[in-house]
Amino acid sequence: MAKTALVPGTLDMMILRTLALRPLHGLGIADRIAQVTHGAFDIKPGSLFPALYRLEADGLIKGAWGESQQGRRARLYTLTKSGRRQLADNRKSWARAVLAVQQVLEMNRP
């Protein structure tokens, strides 16, 4: 599948959604997003880690040092209560935006 550019704001939402499933380390988050999107989104460390630091500073996720599945020391991120609320809000906003764009794309009148 061809790579797709991220719409501004979607990376944070995808990180929050990914962490809603289980705690993961940074590269695990990127791998999961690539897997779910069948490679359409290839999140590079230069985008991922600033987003993780920002989400943590905003109190939406919490990082703690732990061990990856490969037995390596890694910073594992979990979704906070505030992060769950933000994700719910993001999902509603995204659904409205998708519907609005879809309506424009499907207009039948010139």
N, C-alpha and C. Protein backbone atom coordinates (compact mmCIF):
# COMPACT_ATOMS: atom_id res chain seq x y z
N MET A 1 0.85 -1.17 0.00
CA MET A 1 0.00 0.00 0.00
C MET A 1 0.90 1.24 0.00
N ALA A 2 0.47 2.28 -0.67
CA ALA A 2 1.22 3.52 -0.74
C ALA A 2 1.18 4.23 0.61
N LYS A 3 2.25 4.96 0.91
CA LYS A 3 2.30 5.75 2.14
C LYS A 3 1.32 6.91 2.02
N THR A 4 0.77 7.32 3.15
CA THR A 4 -0.22 8.37 3.20
C THR A 4 0.27 9.46 4.15
N ALA A 5 0.09 10.71 3.76
CA ALA A 5 0.46 11.82 4.64
C ALA A 5 -0.55 11.93 5.78
N LEU A 6 -0.05 12.24 6.95
CA LEU A 6 -0.93 12.40 8.11
C LEU A 6 -1.62 13.75 8.07
N VAL A 7 -2.89 13.75 8.34
CA VAL A 7 -3.64 14.99 8.52
C VAL A 7 -3.23 15.54 9.88
N PRO A 8 -2.96 16.85 9.99
CA PRO A 8 -2.55 17.40 11.29
C PRO A 8 -3.50 17.00 12.41
N GLY A 9 -2.93 16.58 13.53
CA GLY A 9 -3.72 16.17 14.69
C GLY A 9 -4.04 14.69 14.76
N THR A 10 -3.86 13.97 13.65
CA THR A 10 -4.24 12.56 13.67
C THR A 10 -3.21 11.68 14.36
N LEU A 11 -1.94 12.08 14.37
CA LEU A 11 -0.93 11.26 15.02
C LEU A 11 -1.25 11.12 16.51
N ASP A 12 -1.56 12.22 17.17
CA ASP A 12 -1.90 12.15 18.59
C ASP A 12 -3.08 11.22 18.82
N MET A 13 -4.10 11.35 17.98
CA MET A 13 -5.29 10.52 18.13
C MET A 13 -4.94 9.04 17.93
N MET A 14 -4.10 8.73 16.95
CA MET A 14 -3.73 7.33 16.72
C MET A 14 -2.88 6.78 17.86
N ILE A 15 -2.03 7.61 18.44
CA ILE A 15 -1.25 7.17 19.59
C ILE A 15 -2.18 6.87 20.77
N LEU A 16 -3.10 7.78 21.05
CA LEU A 16 -4.03 7.56 22.15
C LEU A 16 -4.85 6.29 21.93
N ARG A 17 -5.33 6.09 20.72
CA ARG A 17 -6.13 4.89 20.43
C ARG A 17 -5.31 3.62 20.59
N THR A 18 -4.08 3.66 20.13
CA THR A 18 -3.20 2.50 20.25
C THR A 18 -2.95 2.16 21.71
N LEU A 19 -2.74 3.18 22.53
CA LEU A 19 -2.48 2.94 23.96
C LEU A 19 -3.74 2.58 24.73
N ALA A 20 -4.92 2.81 24.14
CA ALA A 20 -6.16 2.40 24.80
C ALA A 20 -6.24 0.87 24.88
N LEU A 21 -5.50 0.20 24.02
CA LEU A 21 -5.53 -1.26 23.98
C LEU A 21 -4.61 -1.88 25.04
N ARG A 22 -3.39 -1.29 25.16
CA ARG A 22 -2.42 -1.80 26.14
C ARG A 22 -1.21 -0.89 26.17
N PRO A 23 -0.45 -0.93 27.26
CA PRO A 23 0.78 -0.13 27.31
C PRO A 23 1.78 -0.61 26.26
N LEU A 24 2.48 0.33 25.67
CA LEU A 24 3.50 0.00 24.66
C LEU A 24 4.65 0.99 24.75
N HIS A 25 5.79 0.58 24.24
CA HIS A 25 6.92 1.51 24.10
C HIS A 25 6.79 2.21 22.75
N GLY A 26 7.56 3.26 22.56
CA GLY A 26 7.42 4.11 21.39
C GLY A 26 7.43 3.38 20.07
N LEU A 27 8.46 2.57 19.85
CA LEU A 27 8.54 1.87 18.56
C LEU A 27 7.43 0.83 18.41
N GLY A 28 6.96 0.29 19.54
CA GLY A 28 5.82 -0.62 19.50
C GLY A 28 4.55 0.09 19.03
N ILE A 29 4.41 1.36 19.44
CA ILE A 29 3.27 2.16 18.99
C ILE A 29 3.34 2.37 17.49
N ALA A 30 4.52 2.76 17.00
CA ALA A 30 4.70 2.99 15.56
C ALA A 30 4.45 1.71 14.77
N ASP A 31 4.97 0.59 15.28
CA ASP A 31 4.77 -0.69 14.60
C ASP A 31 3.29 -1.06 14.55
N ARG A 32 2.58 -0.83 15.63
CA ARG A 32 1.15 -1.18 15.68
C ARG A 32 0.34 -0.33 14.70
N ILE A 33 0.66 0.97 14.64
CA ILE A 33 -0.04 1.85 13.70
C ILE A 33 0.23 1.40 12.27
N ALA A 34 1.48 1.07 11.95
CA ALA A 34 1.82 0.59 10.60
C ALA A 34 1.09 -0.71 10.30
N GLN A 35 1.00 -1.59 11.28
CA GLN A 35 0.33 -2.88 11.09
C GLN A 35 -1.17 -2.67 10.82
N VAL A 36 -1.83 -1.89 11.65
CA VAL A 36 -3.27 -1.68 11.53
C VAL A 36 -3.62 -0.97 10.23
N THR A 37 -2.76 -0.04 9.79
CA THR A 37 -3.03 0.71 8.56
C THR A 37 -2.43 0.04 7.33
N HIS A 38 -1.95 -1.18 7.49
CA HIS A 38 -1.34 -1.93 6.39
C HIS A 38 -0.23 -1.13 5.71
N GLY A 39 0.55 -0.43 6.54
CA GLY A 39 1.70 0.31 6.04
C GLY A 39 1.40 1.68 5.48
N ALA A 40 0.15 2.11 5.50
CA ALA A 40 -0.19 3.43 4.97
C ALA A 40 0.47 4.54 5.78
N PHE A 41 0.61 4.32 7.09
CA PHE A 41 1.27 5.30 7.96
C PHE A 41 2.53 4.68 8.53
N ASP A 42 3.65 5.26 8.16
CA ASP A 42 4.96 4.83 8.65
C ASP A 42 5.48 5.97 9.52
N ILE A 43 5.24 5.86 10.82
CA ILE A 43 5.58 6.93 11.75
C ILE A 43 7.07 6.86 12.08
N LYS A 44 7.77 7.91 11.77
CA LYS A 44 9.22 7.98 12.01
C LYS A 44 9.47 8.50 13.43
N PRO A 45 10.62 8.12 14.02
CA PRO A 45 10.94 8.58 15.37
C PRO A 45 10.93 10.11 15.52
N GLY A 46 11.30 10.82 14.48
CA GLY A 46 11.32 12.28 14.55
C GLY A 46 9.94 12.89 14.70
N SER A 47 8.90 12.16 14.36
CA SER A 47 7.52 12.61 14.58
C SER A 47 6.94 11.97 15.84
N LEU A 48 7.25 10.70 16.04
CA LEU A 48 6.66 9.94 17.14
C LEU A 48 7.07 10.45 18.51
N PHE A 49 8.37 10.58 18.73
CA PHE A 49 8.82 10.89 20.08
C PHE A 49 8.44 12.30 20.53
N PRO A 50 8.51 13.32 19.67
CA PRO A 50 7.99 14.62 20.12
C PRO A 50 6.49 14.55 20.48
N ALA A 51 5.72 13.76 19.73
CA ALA A 51 4.29 13.60 20.03
C ALA A 51 4.12 12.92 21.39
N LEU A 52 4.91 11.88 21.66
CA LEU A 52 4.82 11.20 22.95
C LEU A 52 5.18 12.14 24.09
N TYR A 53 6.24 12.92 23.94
CA TYR A 53 6.65 13.86 24.99
C TYR A 53 5.55 14.90 25.23
N ARG A 54 4.95 15.39 24.15
CA ARG A 54 3.89 16.39 24.25
C ARG A 54 2.65 15.80 24.96
N LEU A 55 2.25 14.60 24.54
CA LEU A 55 1.09 13.95 25.17
C LEU A 55 1.34 13.68 26.65
N GLU A 56 2.58 13.32 26.99
CA GLU A 56 2.91 13.08 28.38
C GLU A 56 2.89 14.39 29.17
N ALA A 57 3.44 15.45 28.59
CA ALA A 57 3.44 16.76 29.26
C ALA A 57 2.01 17.27 29.46
N ASP A 58 1.12 16.92 28.55
CA ASP A 58 -0.29 17.33 28.65
C ASP A 58 -1.10 16.43 29.60
N GLY A 59 -0.47 15.39 30.14
CA GLY A 59 -1.15 14.50 31.07
C GLY A 59 -2.07 13.49 30.41
N LEU A 60 -1.94 13.29 29.09
CA LEU A 60 -2.82 12.36 28.38
C LEU A 60 -2.27 10.94 28.38
N ILE A 61 -0.96 10.82 28.52
CA ILE A 61 -0.32 9.51 28.65
C ILE A 61 0.71 9.61 29.78
N LYS A 62 1.11 8.45 30.26
CA LYS A 62 2.13 8.42 31.31
C LYS A 62 3.19 7.41 30.89
N GLY A 63 4.44 7.83 31.00
CA GLY A 63 5.55 6.94 30.65
C GLY A 63 6.26 6.47 31.90
N ALA A 64 6.72 5.23 31.87
CA ALA A 64 7.50 4.65 32.97
C ALA A 64 8.48 3.65 32.38
N TRP A 65 9.65 3.59 32.96
CA TRP A 65 10.65 2.65 32.46
C TRP A 65 10.25 1.23 32.83
N GLY A 66 10.39 0.35 31.86
CA GLY A 66 10.06 -1.05 32.05
C GLY A 66 10.84 -1.89 31.07
N GLU A 67 10.29 -3.03 30.73
CA GLU A 67 10.96 -3.95 29.82
C GLU A 67 10.06 -4.25 28.63
N SER A 68 10.65 -4.20 27.43
CA SER A 68 9.90 -4.53 26.22
C SER A 68 9.70 -6.04 26.14
N GLN A 69 8.91 -6.47 25.17
CA GLN A 69 8.69 -7.91 24.98
C GLN A 69 9.97 -8.63 24.60
N GLN A 70 10.93 -7.88 24.05
CA GLN A 70 12.22 -8.46 23.68
C GLN A 70 13.19 -8.47 24.85
N GLY A 71 12.75 -8.02 26.03
CA GLY A 71 13.59 -8.03 27.21
C GLY A 71 14.52 -6.84 27.33
N ARG A 72 14.30 -5.82 26.53
CA ARG A 72 15.14 -4.62 26.58
C ARG A 72 14.48 -3.56 27.44
N ARG A 73 15.31 -2.72 28.02
CA ARG A 73 14.79 -1.59 28.80
C ARG A 73 14.12 -0.62 27.84
N ALA A 74 12.89 -0.23 28.18
CA ALA A 74 12.13 0.66 27.29
C ALA A 74 11.17 1.50 28.14
N ARG A 75 10.83 2.64 27.62
CA ARG A 75 9.84 3.50 28.27
C ARG A 75 8.47 3.08 27.77
N LEU A 76 7.66 2.55 28.68
CA LEU A 76 6.32 2.08 28.33
C LEU A 76 5.32 3.18 28.64
N TYR A 77 4.42 3.40 27.70
CA TYR A 77 3.42 4.45 27.83
C TYR A 77 2.05 3.85 28.06
N THR A 78 1.29 4.48 28.95
CA THR A 78 -0.09 4.07 29.22
C THR A 78 -0.99 5.29 29.06
N LEU A 79 -2.23 5.03 28.77
CA LEU A 79 -3.22 6.08 28.61
C LEU A 79 -3.75 6.47 30.00
N THR A 80 -3.85 7.77 30.27
CA THR A 80 -4.40 8.24 31.54
C THR A 80 -5.91 8.42 31.40
N LYS A 81 -6.54 8.73 32.51
CA LYS A 81 -7.98 9.01 32.50
C LYS A 81 -8.26 10.20 31.58
N SER A 82 -7.43 11.24 31.68
CA SER A 82 -7.59 12.41 30.81
C SER A 82 -7.39 12.02 29.35
N GLY A 83 -6.47 11.11 29.10
CA GLY A 83 -6.23 10.63 27.74
C GLY A 83 -7.43 9.90 27.18
N ARG A 84 -8.09 9.13 28.02
CA ARG A 84 -9.30 8.42 27.56
C ARG A 84 -10.41 9.41 27.21
N ARG A 85 -10.56 10.45 28.02
CA ARG A 85 -11.55 11.48 27.71
C ARG A 85 -11.20 12.19 26.41
N GLN A 86 -9.92 12.53 26.24
CA GLN A 86 -9.48 13.20 25.02
C GLN A 86 -9.72 12.32 23.80
N LEU A 87 -9.44 11.04 23.92
CA LEU A 87 -9.66 10.11 22.82
C LEU A 87 -11.14 10.07 22.44
N ALA A 88 -12.01 10.03 23.43
CA ALA A 88 -13.46 10.01 23.15
C ALA A 88 -13.87 11.29 22.43
N ASP A 89 -13.36 12.43 22.88
CA ASP A 89 -13.66 13.70 22.21
C ASP A 89 -13.13 13.70 20.78
N ASN A 90 -11.90 13.22 20.61
CA ASN A 90 -11.29 13.16 19.27
C ASN A 90 -12.10 12.28 18.32
N ARG A 91 -12.57 11.17 18.82
CA ARG A 91 -13.35 10.26 17.97
C ARG A 91 -14.62 10.93 17.48
N LYS A 92 -15.29 11.66 18.35
CA LYS A 92 -16.52 12.37 17.95
C LYS A 92 -16.20 13.44 16.91
N SER A 93 -15.16 14.23 17.16
CA SER A 93 -14.78 15.30 16.23
C SER A 93 -14.37 14.72 14.88
N TRP A 94 -13.61 13.64 14.91
CA TRP A 94 -13.15 13.01 13.68
C TRP A 94 -14.33 12.47 12.88
N ALA A 95 -15.29 11.85 13.55
CA ALA A 95 -16.47 11.31 12.87
C ALA A 95 -17.24 12.43 12.18
N ARG A 96 -17.39 13.58 12.86
CA ARG A 96 -18.08 14.72 12.25
C ARG A 96 -17.31 15.24 11.04
N ALA A 97 -16.00 15.33 11.15
CA ALA A 97 -15.17 15.84 10.05
C ALA A 97 -15.23 14.90 8.85
N VAL A 98 -15.14 13.61 9.09
CA VAL A 98 -15.20 12.63 8.00
C VAL A 98 -16.54 12.71 7.29
N LEU A 99 -17.61 12.81 8.05
CA LEU A 99 -18.95 12.91 7.46
C LEU A 99 -19.06 14.17 6.60
N ALA A 100 -18.56 15.29 7.10
CA ALA A 100 -18.65 16.54 6.36
C ALA A 100 -17.86 16.46 5.05
N VAL A 101 -16.66 15.93 5.09
CA VAL A 101 -15.85 15.80 3.88
C VAL A 101 -16.51 14.83 2.91
N GLN A 102 -17.04 13.75 3.42
CA GLN A 102 -17.73 12.77 2.59
C GLN A 102 -18.92 13.41 1.87
N GLN A 103 -19.66 14.25 2.56
CA GLN A 103 -20.80 14.92 1.95
C GLN A 103 -20.35 15.84 0.81
N VAL A 104 -19.24 16.53 1.00
CA VAL A 104 -18.72 17.40 -0.07
C VAL A 104 -18.26 16.56 -1.25
N LEU A 105 -17.58 15.47 -0.98
CA LEU A 105 -17.06 14.62 -2.08
C LEU A 105 -18.17 13.94 -2.86
N GLU A 106 -19.31 13.74 -2.23
CA GLU A 106 -20.40 13.03 -2.89
C GLU A 106 -21.49 13.96 -3.41
N MET A 107 -21.21 15.27 -3.47
CA MET A 107 -22.20 16.21 -4.01
C MET A 107 -22.54 15.83 -5.44
N ASN A 108 -23.81 15.88 -5.77
CA ASN A 108 -24.25 15.52 -7.12
C ASN A 108 -24.48 16.73 -8.01
N ARG A 109 -24.60 17.90 -7.43
CA ARG A 109 -24.84 19.09 -8.22
C ARG A 109 -23.54 19.79 -8.57
N PRO A 110 -23.48 20.36 -9.79
CA PRO A 110 -22.27 21.11 -10.19
C PRO A 110 -22.11 22.39 -9.41
